[in-house]
Amino acid sequence: MTKPVASKRILPTSPFKAPVAPPPKHFAVGDQVTHDMYGLGRVIGIEDGIAALVDFGSAQERILSPYAKMSKL
């Protein structure tokens, strides 16, 4: 049986920078967005830090945070 791999520890004296996490995306009701799978849509509801309800015309989808495939136009 194998042990789970721990994340790499970056020493403070290392000349290499630790990977930086991108800032979380923030959406507001009324924002026009594009999604890689669903296409163009408009945000019609927000659940704080959890999900965004988006109307894509043919369907309404609940997109979960961190919104990797969705961006604001």
C-alpha atoms as a PDB file:
ATOM      1  CA  MET A   1       0.000   0.000   0.000  1.00  0.00           C
ATOM      2  CA  THR A   2       1.330   3.463  -0.864  1.00  0.00           C
ATOM      3  CA  LYS A   3       1.158   6.638   1.187  1.00  0.00           C
ATOM      4  CA  PRO A   4      -0.515   9.754  -0.219  1.00  0.00           C
ATOM      5  CA  VAL A   5       1.960  12.230  -1.653  1.00  0.00           C
ATOM      6  CA  ALA A   6       2.363  15.414   0.399  1.00  0.00           C
ATOM      7  CA  SER A   7       2.623  18.758  -1.358  1.00  0.00           C
ATOM      8  CA  LYS A   8       6.128  20.080  -1.891  1.00  0.00           C
ATOM      9  CA  ARG A   9       7.415  22.316   0.852  1.00  0.00           C
ATOM     10  CA  ILE A  10       9.134  25.470  -0.405  1.00  0.00           C
ATOM     11  CA  LEU A  11      11.907  26.717   1.858  1.00  0.00           C
ATOM     12  CA  PRO A  12      11.981  30.481   2.531  1.00  0.00           C
ATOM     13  CA  THR A  13      15.614  30.626   1.391  1.00  0.00           C
ATOM     14  CA  SER A  14      14.882  28.861  -1.913  1.00  0.00           C
ATOM     15  CA  PRO A  15      15.652  30.856  -5.080  1.00  0.00           C
ATOM     16  CA  PHE A  16      12.526  29.365  -6.661  1.00  0.00           C
ATOM     17  CA  LYS A  17       9.173  31.009  -6.067  1.00  0.00           C
ATOM     18  CA  ALA A  18       6.288  29.037  -4.608  1.00  0.00           C
ATOM     19  CA  PRO A  19       3.380  28.663  -7.035  1.00  0.00           C
ATOM     20  CA  VAL A  20       0.833  31.434  -6.562  1.00  0.00           C
ATOM     21  CA  ALA A  21      -2.856  30.552  -6.509  1.00  0.00           C
ATOM     22  CA  PRO A  22      -4.916  32.775  -8.822  1.00  0.00           C
ATOM     23  CA  PRO A  23      -7.270  35.176  -7.045  1.00  0.00           C
ATOM     24  CA  PRO A  24     -10.855  33.921  -6.787  1.00  0.00           C
ATOM     25  CA  LYS A  25     -13.231  35.174  -9.459  1.00  0.00           C
ATOM     26  CA  HIS A  26     -16.109  37.366  -8.353  1.00  0.00           C
ATOM     27  CA  PHE A  27     -19.344  37.645 -10.275  1.00  0.00           C
ATOM     28  CA  ALA A  28     -22.363  39.863  -9.670  1.00  0.00           C
ATOM     29  CA  VAL A  29     -25.981  39.528 -10.734  1.00  0.00           C
ATOM     30  CA  GLY A  30     -26.310  40.883 -14.265  1.00  0.00           C
ATOM     31  CA  ASP A  31     -22.728  40.123 -15.370  1.00  0.00           C
ATOM     32  CA  GLN A  32     -22.422  38.713 -18.869  1.00  0.00           C
ATOM     33  CA  VAL A  33     -20.209  35.611 -18.864  1.00  0.00           C
ATOM     34  CA  THR A  34     -18.902  32.928 -21.157  1.00  0.00           C
ATOM     35  CA  HIS A  35     -18.498  29.271 -20.223  1.00  0.00           C
ATOM     36  CA  ASP A  36     -16.361  26.717 -22.062  1.00  0.00           C
ATOM     37  CA  MET A  37     -19.194  24.174 -22.268  1.00  0.00           C
ATOM     38  CA  TYR A  38     -22.431  26.223 -22.183  1.00  0.00           C
ATOM     39  CA  GLY A  39     -21.419  29.362 -24.108  1.00  0.00           C
ATOM     40  CA  LEU A  40     -22.695  32.899 -23.470  1.00  0.00           C
ATOM     41  CA  GLY A  41     -24.906  33.628 -20.501  1.00  0.00           C
ATOM     42  CA  ARG A  42     -25.938  36.112 -17.828  1.00  0.00           C
ATOM     43  CA  VAL A  43     -25.588  35.699 -14.066  1.00  0.00           C
ATOM     44  CA  ILE A  44     -29.053  35.680 -12.458  1.00  0.00           C
ATOM     45  CA  GLY A  45     -28.138  34.595  -8.940  1.00  0.00           C
ATOM     46  CA  ILE A  46     -25.177  34.282  -6.569  1.00  0.00           C
ATOM     47  CA  GLU A  47     -24.596  31.962  -3.622  1.00  0.00           C
ATOM     48  CA  ASP A  48     -21.745  33.615  -1.677  1.00  0.00           C
ATOM     49  CA  GLY A  49     -18.514  31.783  -2.493  1.00  0.00           C
ATOM     50  CA  ILE A  50     -20.352  28.589  -3.448  1.00  0.00           C
ATOM     51  CA  ALA A  51     -22.002  28.899  -6.843  1.00  0.00           C
ATOM     52  CA  ALA A  52     -23.476  31.189  -9.478  1.00  0.00           C
ATOM     53  CA  LEU A  53     -26.796  30.615 -11.231  1.00  0.00           C
ATOM     54  CA  VAL A  54     -26.364  31.480 -14.898  1.00  0.00           C
ATOM     55  CA  ASP A  55     -29.012  31.761 -17.629  1.00  0.00           C
ATOM     56  CA  PHE A  56     -27.597  30.480 -20.918  1.00  0.00           C
ATOM     57  CA  GLY A  57     -30.807  31.057 -22.883  1.00  0.00           C
ATOM     58  CA  SER A  58     -31.731  27.420 -23.444  1.00  0.00           C
ATOM     59  CA  ALA A  59     -30.965  26.355 -19.861  1.00  0.00           C
ATOM     60  CA  GLN A  60     -30.163  27.692 -16.424  1.00  0.00           C
ATOM     61  CA  GLU A  61     -27.078  26.130 -14.837  1.00  0.00           C
ATOM     62  CA  ARG A  62     -25.609  26.310 -11.347  1.00  0.00           C
ATOM     63  CA  ILE A  63     -21.856  26.783 -11.812  1.00  0.00           C
ATOM     64  CA  LEU A  64     -19.791  25.876  -8.754  1.00  0.00           C
ATOM     65  CA  SER A  65     -16.856  27.893  -7.452  1.00  0.00           C
ATOM     66  CA  PRO A  66     -13.903  28.294  -8.356  1.00  0.00           C
ATOM     67  CA  TYR A  67     -15.482  28.928 -11.788  1.00  0.00           C
ATOM     68  CA  ALA A  68     -12.540  27.411 -13.684  1.00  0.00           C
ATOM     69  CA  LYS A  69     -14.344  27.288 -17.050  1.00  0.00           C
ATOM     70  CA  MET A  70     -16.236  30.577 -16.746  1.00  0.00           C
ATOM     71  CA  SER A  71     -15.033  34.117 -17.308  1.00  0.00           C
ATOM     72  CA  LYS A  72     -16.604  37.568 -17.263  1.00  0.00           C
ATOM     73  CA  LEU A  73     -17.001  39.480 -20.514  1.00  0.00           C
END
